[in-house]
Amino acid sequence: MSNSILPSDVRLPPTLRAVLTGVQRGYPIFLGYVPLGFAYGVLAVQNGIPAVYAVLFSLLVYAGAGQFIAVGMWGAGASVFSIVFTTFVINLRHVLMSAAVAPWFAPFTRLQQTIIGWGLTDEVFAMHSMAMATGETARLPIVYAANFTAHSGWIVGTFIGAVADDYLSDPQRFGLDYALPAMFLALLIPQCKERLYTLAALLAAFLSVVLALCGTGRWNVIIASVITSTIGALLLTRRDSRRAQGKKDEKAPDTGLSDGCRPTQRENA
């Protein structure tokens, strides 16, 4: 990934350049989150949640799909405990995502890692994973700026949607519900650089559809992701081991003698 938003000949303090780079990385997610937050803000107000609480929900909870489900449960009269528990279960996938990128953030303090983890979403995870895959060293200004930029899109969209509820009766007629799948595709396609990654993505999509048809509910994506990532990790490890062994065999000197005919070193008398 590019390490700078500006050409190298433009003189800027290193920290400011890093912040601008983080903004550059988070900006596409910002654009995707604004319409999603807008739809959430409208639905929240329509389900009886005051606009200020809808915005605070996006500011403090920042749960994406969990917020949409919580709004529906609130409108249906569900208890607070059931809403909190359901939101927790839906976001359990963040445990796996955090564990995957934790080694990249190991040099940071525990407080810094906590702040980063609080801003970790599916799209932000994909963004950081792409940077980690290139061998880039994590820099706190870039990570903070990227996370903040993405989160800002969700908050701004929620605010606009909550305020504009009086003027909109059906936000889905604008096609805003397609913003999230479109953003996921935009993050997925650049990572499919090798056949193994492409096959893993296709397998995950296939399993997700099959599991959904089998009645697994919203667990289909999580189950498909775990199965596919496990298979992909095993195949990737096996492939890398074969490549490493092949390079080792190429570097080994060829004396033309078999192991049984190799001369042995004489012991000193």
C-alpha atoms as a PDB file:
ATOM      1  CA  MET A   1       0.000   0.000   0.000  1.00  0.00           C
ATOM      2  CA  SER A   2       1.083   3.550  -0.611  1.00  0.00           C
ATOM      3  CA  ASN A   3       2.735   5.110   2.417  1.00  0.00           C
ATOM      4  CA  SER A   4       1.919   8.712   1.553  1.00  0.00           C
ATOM      5  CA  ILE A   5      -0.948  10.736   0.206  1.00  0.00           C
ATOM      6  CA  LEU A   6       1.440  13.329  -1.257  1.00  0.00           C
ATOM      7  CA  PRO A   7       4.470  13.049  -3.561  1.00  0.00           C
ATOM      8  CA  SER A   8       7.759  12.459  -1.792  1.00  0.00           C
ATOM      9  CA  ASP A   9       9.120  15.826  -2.947  1.00  0.00           C
ATOM     10  CA  VAL A  10       6.487  17.716  -0.913  1.00  0.00           C
ATOM     11  CA  ARG A  11       8.056  18.622   2.427  1.00  0.00           C
ATOM     12  CA  LEU A  12       5.796  17.916   5.389  1.00  0.00           C
ATOM     13  CA  PRO A  13       6.442  16.889   8.984  1.00  0.00           C
ATOM     14  CA  PRO A  14       6.529  13.073   9.174  1.00  0.00           C
ATOM     15  CA  THR A  15       3.593  12.950  11.584  1.00  0.00           C
ATOM     16  CA  LEU A  16       1.407  15.155   9.378  1.00  0.00           C
ATOM     17  CA  ARG A  17       2.276  13.085   6.316  1.00  0.00           C
ATOM     18  CA  ALA A  18       1.359   9.922   8.226  1.00  0.00           C
ATOM     19  CA  VAL A  19      -1.973  11.420   9.300  1.00  0.00           C
ATOM     20  CA  LEU A  20      -2.798  12.398   5.715  1.00  0.00           C
ATOM     21  CA  THR A  21      -1.926   8.887   4.591  1.00  0.00           C
ATOM     22  CA  GLY A  22      -4.316   7.471   7.182  1.00  0.00           C
ATOM     23  CA  VAL A  23      -7.055   9.824   5.988  1.00  0.00           C
ATOM     24  CA  GLN A  24      -6.425   8.672   2.427  1.00  0.00           C
ATOM     25  CA  ARG A  25      -6.846   5.032   3.414  1.00  0.00           C
ATOM     26  CA  GLY A  26      -9.956   5.619   5.487  1.00  0.00           C
ATOM     27  CA  TYR A  27     -11.669   7.930   3.005  1.00  0.00           C
ATOM     28  CA  PRO A  28     -13.169   5.166   0.794  1.00  0.00           C
ATOM     29  CA  ILE A  29     -14.666   3.603   3.920  1.00  0.00           C
ATOM     30  CA  PHE A  30     -15.947   7.035   4.952  1.00  0.00           C
ATOM     31  CA  LEU A  31     -17.798   7.314   1.648  1.00  0.00           C
ATOM     32  CA  GLY A  32     -19.326   3.869   2.148  1.00  0.00           C
ATOM     33  CA  TYR A  33     -20.332   4.513   5.748  1.00  0.00           C
ATOM     34  CA  VAL A  34     -22.152   7.795   5.113  1.00  0.00           C
ATOM     35  CA  PRO A  35     -25.117   6.220   3.237  1.00  0.00           C
ATOM     36  CA  LEU A  36     -25.216   3.289   5.657  1.00  0.00           C
ATOM     37  CA  GLY A  37     -25.218   5.607   8.647  1.00  0.00           C
ATOM     38  CA  PHE A  38     -27.856   7.687   6.906  1.00  0.00           C
ATOM     39  CA  ALA A  39     -30.143   4.659   6.569  1.00  0.00           C
ATOM     40  CA  TYR A  40     -29.522   3.712  10.188  1.00  0.00           C
ATOM     41  CA  GLY A  41     -30.300   7.237  11.406  1.00  0.00           C
ATOM     42  CA  VAL A  42     -33.621   7.254   9.560  1.00  0.00           C
ATOM     43  CA  LEU A  43     -34.599   3.804  10.854  1.00  0.00           C
ATOM     44  CA  ALA A  44     -33.582   4.661  14.407  1.00  0.00           C
ATOM     45  CA  VAL A  45     -35.816   7.724  14.550  1.00  0.00           C
ATOM     46  CA  GLN A  46     -38.661   5.849  12.862  1.00  0.00           C
ATOM     47  CA  ASN A  47     -38.437   3.195  15.596  1.00  0.00           C
ATOM     48  CA  GLY A  48     -38.815   5.724  18.377  1.00  0.00           C
ATOM     49  CA  ILE A  49     -35.171   6.460  19.221  1.00  0.00           C
ATOM     50  CA  PRO A  50     -34.449  10.191  19.660  1.00  0.00           C
ATOM     51  CA  ALA A  51     -31.988  11.634  17.154  1.00  0.00           C
ATOM     52  CA  VAL A  52     -29.424  12.518  19.819  1.00  0.00           C
ATOM     53  CA  TYR A  53     -29.411   8.940  21.136  1.00  0.00           C
ATOM     54  CA  ALA A  54     -29.106   7.541  17.625  1.00  0.00           C
ATOM     55  CA  VAL A  55     -25.978   9.635  17.078  1.00  0.00           C
ATOM     56  CA  LEU A  56     -24.575   8.680  20.493  1.00  0.00           C
ATOM     57  CA  PHE A  57     -25.213   5.032  19.632  1.00  0.00           C
ATOM     58  CA  SER A  58     -23.068   5.395  16.515  1.00  0.00           C
ATOM     59  CA  LEU A  59     -20.431   7.343  18.437  1.00  0.00           C
ATOM     60  CA  LEU A  60     -20.048   4.959  21.375  1.00  0.00           C
ATOM     61  CA  VAL A  61     -21.225   1.530  20.185  1.00  0.00           C
ATOM     62  CA  TYR A  62     -20.152   1.652  16.512  1.00  0.00           C
ATOM     63  CA  ALA A  63     -21.541  -1.802  15.782  1.00  0.00           C
ATOM     64  CA  GLY A  64     -22.824  -1.491  12.217  1.00  0.00           C
ATOM     65  CA  ALA A  65     -25.079  -4.470  11.586  1.00  0.00           C
ATOM     66  CA  GLY A  66     -25.605  -4.825  15.323  1.00  0.00           C
ATOM     67  CA  GLN A  67     -27.067  -1.328  15.450  1.00  0.00           C
ATOM     68  CA  PHE A  68     -29.572  -2.093  12.684  1.00  0.00           C
ATOM     69  CA  ILE A  69     -30.707  -5.211  14.528  1.00  0.00           C
ATOM     70  CA  ALA A  70     -30.854  -3.361  17.845  1.00  0.00           C
ATOM     71  CA  VAL A  71     -33.069  -0.695  16.282  1.00  0.00           C
ATOM     72  CA  GLY A  72     -35.468  -3.336  14.979  1.00  0.00           C
ATOM     73  CA  MET A  73     -35.574  -5.070  18.354  1.00  0.00           C
ATOM     74  CA  TRP A  74     -36.160  -1.745  20.102  1.00  0.00           C
ATOM     75  CA  GLY A  75     -39.059  -0.987  17.799  1.00  0.00           C
ATOM     76  CA  ALA A  76     -40.479  -4.453  18.500  1.00  0.00           C
ATOM     77  CA  GLY A  77     -40.389  -3.829  22.249  1.00  0.00           C
ATOM     78  CA  ALA A  78     -37.520  -6.184  23.118  1.00  0.00           C
ATOM     79  CA  SER A  79     -35.826  -5.919  26.506  1.00  0.00           C
ATOM     80  CA  VAL A  80     -32.574  -4.035  26.958  1.00  0.00           C
ATOM     81  CA  PHE A  81     -30.806  -7.234  28.016  1.00  0.00           C
ATOM     82  CA  SER A  82     -31.845  -9.083  24.851  1.00  0.00           C
ATOM     83  CA  ILE A  83     -30.705  -6.155  22.695  1.00  0.00           C
ATOM     84  CA  VAL A  84     -27.307  -5.986  24.418  1.00  0.00           C
ATOM     85  CA  PHE A  85     -26.839  -9.759  24.272  1.00  0.00           C
ATOM     86  CA  THR A  86     -27.799  -9.965  20.593  1.00  0.00           C
ATOM     87  CA  THR A  87     -25.445  -7.125  19.707  1.00  0.00           C
ATOM     88  CA  PHE A  88     -22.663  -8.885  21.612  1.00  0.00           C
ATOM     89  CA  VAL A  89     -23.206 -12.189  19.798  1.00  0.00           C
ATOM     90  CA  ILE A  90     -23.352 -10.549  16.377  1.00  0.00           C
ATOM     91  CA  ASN A  91     -20.049  -8.795  17.003  1.00  0.00           C
ATOM     92  CA  LEU A  92     -18.197 -11.866  18.282  1.00  0.00           C
ATOM     93  CA  ARG A  93     -16.474 -11.990  14.900  1.00  0.00           C
ATOM     94  CA  HIS A  94     -14.420  -9.008  16.069  1.00  0.00           C
ATOM     95  CA  VAL A  95     -12.582 -11.369  18.406  1.00  0.00           C
ATOM     96  CA  LEU A  96     -11.246 -13.272  15.397  1.00  0.00           C
ATOM     97  CA  MET A  97     -10.432 -10.080  13.512  1.00  0.00           C
ATOM     98  CA  SER A  98      -8.617  -8.583  16.494  1.00  0.00           C
ATOM     99  CA  ALA A  99      -6.579 -11.748  16.974  1.00  0.00           C
ATOM    100  CA  ALA A 100      -5.584 -11.714  13.299  1.00  0.00           C
ATOM    101  CA  VAL A 101      -4.162  -8.179  13.351  1.00  0.00           C
ATOM    102  CA  ALA A 102      -2.909  -8.208  16.966  1.00  0.00           C
ATOM    103  CA  PRO A 103       0.700  -9.099  15.995  1.00  0.00           C
ATOM    104  CA  TRP A 104       0.829  -6.022  13.751  1.00  0.00           C
ATOM    105  CA  PHE A 105      -0.096  -3.763  16.672  1.00  0.00           C
ATOM    106  CA  ALA A 106       2.154  -5.538  19.199  1.00  0.00           C
ATOM    107  CA  PRO A 107       4.652  -2.617  19.503  1.00  0.00           C
ATOM    108  CA  PHE A 108       1.902  -0.300  20.768  1.00  0.00           C
ATOM    109  CA  THR A 109       0.858   0.100  24.404  1.00  0.00           C
ATOM    110  CA  ARG A 110      -2.188  -1.672  25.788  1.00  0.00           C
ATOM    111  CA  LEU A 111      -4.158   1.587  25.856  1.00  0.00           C
ATOM    112  CA  GLN A 112      -3.280   2.325  22.231  1.00  0.00           C
ATOM    113  CA  GLN A 113      -4.281  -1.195  21.212  1.00  0.00           C
ATOM    114  CA  THR A 114      -7.597  -0.778  23.035  1.00  0.00           C
ATOM    115  CA  ILE A 115      -8.349   2.444  21.163  1.00  0.00           C
ATOM    116  CA  ILE A 116      -7.474   0.779  17.858  1.00  0.00           C
ATOM    117  CA  GLY A 117      -9.630  -2.238  18.690  1.00  0.00           C
ATOM    118  CA  TRP A 118     -12.588  -0.010  19.518  1.00  0.00           C
ATOM    119  CA  GLY A 119     -12.483   1.375  15.975  1.00  0.00           C
ATOM    120  CA  LEU A 120     -12.059  -2.025  14.313  1.00  0.00           C
ATOM    121  CA  THR A 121     -14.845  -2.908  11.877  1.00  0.00           C
ATOM    122  CA  ASP A 122     -15.016  -5.386   9.011  1.00  0.00           C
ATOM    123  CA  GLU A 123     -13.883  -2.788   6.486  1.00  0.00           C
ATOM    124  CA  VAL A 124     -11.206  -1.308   8.743  1.00  0.00           C
ATOM    125  CA  PHE A 125      -9.935  -4.823   9.430  1.00  0.00           C
ATOM    126  CA  ALA A 126      -9.643  -5.456   5.690  1.00  0.00           C
ATOM    127  CA  MET A 127      -7.774  -2.175   5.257  1.00  0.00           C
ATOM    128  CA  HIS A 128      -5.249  -2.962   8.014  1.00  0.00           C
ATOM    129  CA  SER A 129      -4.885  -6.560   6.799  1.00  0.00           C
ATOM    130  CA  MET A 130      -3.915  -5.329   3.342  1.00  0.00           C
ATOM    131  CA  ALA A 131      -1.252  -3.069   4.849  1.00  0.00           C
ATOM    132  CA  MET A 132       0.005  -5.880   7.084  1.00  0.00           C
ATOM    133  CA  ALA A 133       0.202  -8.291   4.134  1.00  0.00           C
ATOM    134  CA  THR A 134       2.588  -5.950   2.299  1.00  0.00           C
ATOM    135  CA  GLY A 135       5.071  -6.082   5.170  1.00  0.00           C
ATOM    136  CA  GLU A 136       4.460  -2.483   6.160  1.00  0.00           C
ATOM    137  CA  THR A 137       5.286  -1.496   9.733  1.00  0.00           C
ATOM    138  CA  ALA A 138       2.272  -0.205  11.647  1.00  0.00           C
ATOM    139  CA  ARG A 139       2.483   3.500  12.480  1.00  0.00           C
ATOM    140  CA  LEU A 140       0.172   4.922  15.106  1.00  0.00           C
ATOM    141  CA  PRO A 141      -0.686   8.215  13.291  1.00  0.00           C
ATOM    142  CA  ILE A 142      -1.707   6.299  10.151  1.00  0.00           C
ATOM    143  CA  VAL A 143      -3.802   3.774  12.075  1.00  0.00           C
ATOM    144  CA  TYR A 144      -5.508   6.401  14.223  1.00  0.00           C
ATOM    145  CA  ALA A 145      -6.256   8.675  11.265  1.00  0.00           C
ATOM    146  CA  ALA A 146      -7.637   5.821   9.153  1.00  0.00           C
ATOM    147  CA  ASN A 147      -9.862   4.553  11.973  1.00  0.00           C
ATOM    148  CA  PHE A 148     -11.106   8.041  12.835  1.00  0.00           C
ATOM    149  CA  THR A 149     -11.875   8.857   9.204  1.00  0.00           C
ATOM    150  CA  ALA A 150     -13.920   5.682   8.778  1.00  0.00           C
ATOM    151  CA  HIS A 151     -15.785   6.214  12.054  1.00  0.00           C
ATOM    152  CA  SER A 152     -16.545   9.817  11.103  1.00  0.00           C
ATOM    153  CA  GLY A 153     -18.435   8.615   8.039  1.00  0.00           C
ATOM    154  CA  TRP A 154     -20.706   6.478  10.203  1.00  0.00           C
ATOM    155  CA  ILE A 155     -21.383   9.324  12.638  1.00  0.00           C
ATOM    156  CA  VAL A 156     -21.976  11.930   9.919  1.00  0.00           C
ATOM    157  CA  GLY A 157     -24.343   9.609   8.066  1.00  0.00           C
ATOM    158  CA  THR A 158     -26.273   8.845  11.250  1.00  0.00           C
ATOM    159  CA  PHE A 159     -26.668  12.534  12.052  1.00  0.00           C
ATOM    160  CA  ILE A 160     -27.912  13.414   8.571  1.00  0.00           C
ATOM    161  CA  GLY A 161     -30.318  10.465   8.530  1.00  0.00           C
ATOM    162  CA  ALA A 162     -31.725  11.233  11.960  1.00  0.00           C
ATOM    163  CA  VAL A 163     -32.296  14.878  11.048  1.00  0.00           C
ATOM    164  CA  ALA A 164     -33.707  14.099   7.593  1.00  0.00           C
ATOM    165  CA  ASP A 165     -36.209  11.523   8.842  1.00  0.00           C
ATOM    166  CA  ASP A 166     -39.074  14.008   8.564  1.00  0.00           C
ATOM    167  CA  TYR A 167     -38.453  14.294   4.816  1.00  0.00           C
ATOM    168  CA  LEU A 168     -37.985  10.600   3.999  1.00  0.00           C
ATOM    169  CA  SER A 169     -40.457   7.768   4.336  1.00  0.00           C
ATOM    170  CA  ASP A 170     -38.527   4.932   2.677  1.00  0.00           C
ATOM    171  CA  PRO A 171     -34.709   5.328   2.661  1.00  0.00           C
ATOM    172  CA  GLN A 172     -34.204   2.010   0.855  1.00  0.00           C
ATOM    173  CA  ARG A 173     -35.743   3.390  -2.341  1.00  0.00           C
ATOM    174  CA  PHE A 174     -32.485   5.278  -2.859  1.00  0.00           C
ATOM    175  CA  GLY A 175     -30.545   2.012  -3.003  1.00  0.00           C
ATOM    176  CA  LEU A 176     -28.604   2.773   0.175  1.00  0.00           C
ATOM    177  CA  ASP A 177     -28.920  -0.829   1.330  1.00  0.00           C
ATOM    178  CA  TYR A 178     -26.461  -1.840  -1.431  1.00  0.00           C
ATOM    179  CA  ALA A 179     -23.702   0.440  -0.120  1.00  0.00           C
ATOM    180  CA  LEU A 180     -22.354  -2.168   2.316  1.00  0.00           C
ATOM    181  CA  PRO A 181     -22.074  -5.079  -0.189  1.00  0.00           C
ATOM    182  CA  ALA A 182     -20.508  -2.713  -2.738  1.00  0.00           C
ATOM    183  CA  MET A 183     -17.915  -1.567  -0.211  1.00  0.00           C
ATOM    184  CA  PHE A 184     -17.074  -5.150   0.751  1.00  0.00           C
ATOM    185  CA  LEU A 185     -16.528  -6.023  -2.910  1.00  0.00           C
ATOM    186  CA  ALA A 186     -14.270  -2.999  -3.342  1.00  0.00           C
ATOM    187  CA  LEU A 187     -12.166  -4.186  -0.392  1.00  0.00           C
ATOM    188  CA  LEU A 188     -12.166  -7.848  -1.444  1.00  0.00           C
ATOM    189  CA  ILE A 189     -11.219  -7.629  -5.118  1.00  0.00           C
ATOM    190  CA  PRO A 190      -7.760  -6.007  -4.623  1.00  0.00           C
ATOM    191  CA  GLN A 191      -6.816  -8.853  -2.258  1.00  0.00           C
ATOM    192  CA  CYS A 192      -7.561 -11.584  -4.821  1.00  0.00           C
ATOM    193  CA  LYS A 193      -4.132 -11.329  -6.422  1.00  0.00           C
ATOM    194  CA  GLU A 194      -3.468 -15.073  -6.388  1.00  0.00           C
ATOM    195  CA  ARG A 195      -5.568 -18.063  -7.352  1.00  0.00           C
ATOM    196  CA  LEU A 196      -5.638 -19.361  -3.771  1.00  0.00           C
ATOM    197  CA  TYR A 197      -7.139 -16.121  -2.455  1.00  0.00           C
ATOM    198  CA  THR A 198      -9.704 -16.028  -5.246  1.00  0.00           C
ATOM    199  CA  LEU A 199     -10.755 -19.617  -4.583  1.00  0.00           C
ATOM    200  CA  ALA A 200     -11.038 -18.871  -0.860  1.00  0.00           C
ATOM    201  CA  ALA A 201     -13.316 -15.904  -1.551  1.00  0.00           C
ATOM    202  CA  LEU A 202     -15.523 -17.933  -3.891  1.00  0.00           C
ATOM    203  CA  LEU A 203     -15.697 -20.825  -1.424  1.00  0.00           C
ATOM    204  CA  ALA A 204     -16.679 -18.463   1.401  1.00  0.00           C
ATOM    205  CA  ALA A 205     -19.445 -16.953  -0.718  1.00  0.00           C
ATOM    206  CA  PHE A 206     -20.726 -20.407  -1.712  1.00  0.00           C
ATOM    207  CA  LEU A 207     -20.722 -21.724   1.859  1.00  0.00           C
ATOM    208  CA  SER A 208     -22.406 -18.569   3.124  1.00  0.00           C
ATOM    209  CA  VAL A 209     -25.280 -18.996   0.675  1.00  0.00           C
ATOM    210  CA  VAL A 210     -25.633 -22.718   1.421  1.00  0.00           C
ATOM    211  CA  LEU A 211     -25.635 -22.137   5.177  1.00  0.00           C
ATOM    212  CA  ALA A 212     -28.205 -19.356   4.811  1.00  0.00           C
ATOM    213  CA  LEU A 213     -30.473 -21.718   2.876  1.00  0.00           C
ATOM    214  CA  CYS A 214     -30.000 -24.304   5.631  1.00  0.00           C
ATOM    215  CA  GLY A 215     -31.474 -21.915   8.181  1.00  0.00           C
ATOM    216  CA  THR A 216     -28.376 -20.807  10.103  1.00  0.00           C
ATOM    217  CA  GLY A 217     -29.631 -17.235  10.221  1.00  0.00           C
ATOM    218  CA  ARG A 218     -27.005 -14.533  10.594  1.00  0.00           C
ATOM    219  CA  TRP A 219     -24.386 -17.095  11.631  1.00  0.00           C
ATOM    220  CA  ASN A 220     -23.856 -18.134   8.019  1.00  0.00           C
ATOM    221  CA  VAL A 221     -21.197 -15.493   7.337  1.00  0.00           C
ATOM    222  CA  ILE A 222     -19.280 -16.233  10.542  1.00  0.00           C
ATOM    223  CA  ILE A 223     -19.331 -20.011  10.029  1.00  0.00           C
ATOM    224  CA  ALA A 224     -18.347 -19.722   6.365  1.00  0.00           C
ATOM    225  CA  SER A 225     -15.515 -17.324   7.252  1.00  0.00           C
ATOM    226  CA  VAL A 226     -14.109 -19.632   9.934  1.00  0.00           C
ATOM    227  CA  ILE A 227     -14.260 -22.722   7.702  1.00  0.00           C
ATOM    228  CA  THR A 228     -12.783 -20.987   4.670  1.00  0.00           C
ATOM    229  CA  SER A 229     -10.054 -19.159   6.573  1.00  0.00           C
ATOM    230  CA  THR A 230      -9.004 -22.412   8.248  1.00  0.00           C
ATOM    231  CA  ILE A 231      -8.811 -24.263   4.934  1.00  0.00           C
ATOM    232  CA  GLY A 232      -7.029 -21.326   3.311  1.00  0.00           C
ATOM    233  CA  ALA A 233      -4.492 -21.072   6.130  1.00  0.00           C
ATOM    234  CA  LEU A 234      -3.701 -24.791   5.898  1.00  0.00           C
ATOM    235  CA  LEU A 235      -3.283 -24.651   2.120  1.00  0.00           C
ATOM    236  CA  LEU A 236      -1.192 -21.485   2.333  1.00  0.00           C
ATOM    237  CA  THR A 237       1.090 -23.023   4.959  1.00  0.00           C
ATOM    238  CA  ARG A 238       1.480 -26.171   2.876  1.00  0.00           C
ATOM    239  CA  ARG A 239       2.272 -24.153  -0.244  1.00  0.00           C
ATOM    240  CA  ASP A 240       4.835 -21.989   1.533  1.00  0.00           C
ATOM    241  CA  SER A 241       6.489 -25.081   3.014  1.00  0.00           C
ATOM    242  CA  ARG A 242       6.832 -26.629  -0.430  1.00  0.00           C
ATOM    243  CA  ARG A 243       8.295 -23.433  -1.846  1.00  0.00           C
ATOM    244  CA  ALA A 244      10.761 -23.166   1.026  1.00  0.00           C
ATOM    245  CA  GLN A 245      11.798 -26.802   0.546  1.00  0.00           C
ATOM    246  CA  GLY A 246      12.222 -26.224  -3.189  1.00  0.00           C
ATOM    247  CA  LYS A 247      14.499 -23.247  -2.612  1.00  0.00           C
ATOM    248  CA  LYS A 248      16.480 -25.261  -0.072  1.00  0.00           C
ATOM    249  CA  ASP A 249      16.986 -28.085  -2.578  1.00  0.00           C
ATOM    250  CA  GLU A 250      18.130 -25.617  -5.246  1.00  0.00           C
ATOM    251  CA  LYS A 251      20.760 -24.130  -2.918  1.00  0.00           C
ATOM    252  CA  ALA A 252      22.094 -27.552  -1.861  1.00  0.00           C
ATOM    253  CA  PRO A 253      25.445 -28.333  -3.629  1.00  0.00           C
ATOM    254  CA  ASP A 254      25.391 -31.210  -6.096  1.00  0.00           C
ATOM    255  CA  THR A 255      28.635 -33.232  -5.774  1.00  0.00           C
ATOM    256  CA  GLY A 256      27.453 -36.034  -8.009  1.00  0.00           C
ATOM    257  CA  LEU A 257      27.825 -38.512  -5.166  1.00  0.00           C
ATOM    258  CA  SER A 258      25.077 -40.283  -3.319  1.00  0.00           C
ATOM    259  CA  ASP A 259      24.853 -40.001   0.439  1.00  0.00           C
ATOM    260  CA  GLY A 260      26.403 -43.434   0.854  1.00  0.00           C
ATOM    261  CA  CYS A 261      29.431 -42.509  -1.265  1.00  0.00           C
ATOM    262  CA  ARG A 262      30.176 -39.121   0.306  1.00  0.00           C
ATOM    263  CA  PRO A 263      33.670 -38.960   1.844  1.00  0.00           C
ATOM    264  CA  THR A 264      33.737 -38.683   5.620  1.00  0.00           C
ATOM    265  CA  GLN A 265      35.998 -36.385   7.577  1.00  0.00           C
ATOM    266  CA  ARG A 266      38.893 -38.163   9.260  1.00  0.00           C
ATOM    267  CA  GLU A 267      39.107 -37.961  12.980  1.00  0.00           C
ATOM    268  CA  ASN A 268      42.255 -36.421  14.420  1.00  0.00           C
ATOM    269  CA  ALA A 269      44.512 -38.901  15.925  1.00  0.00           C
END
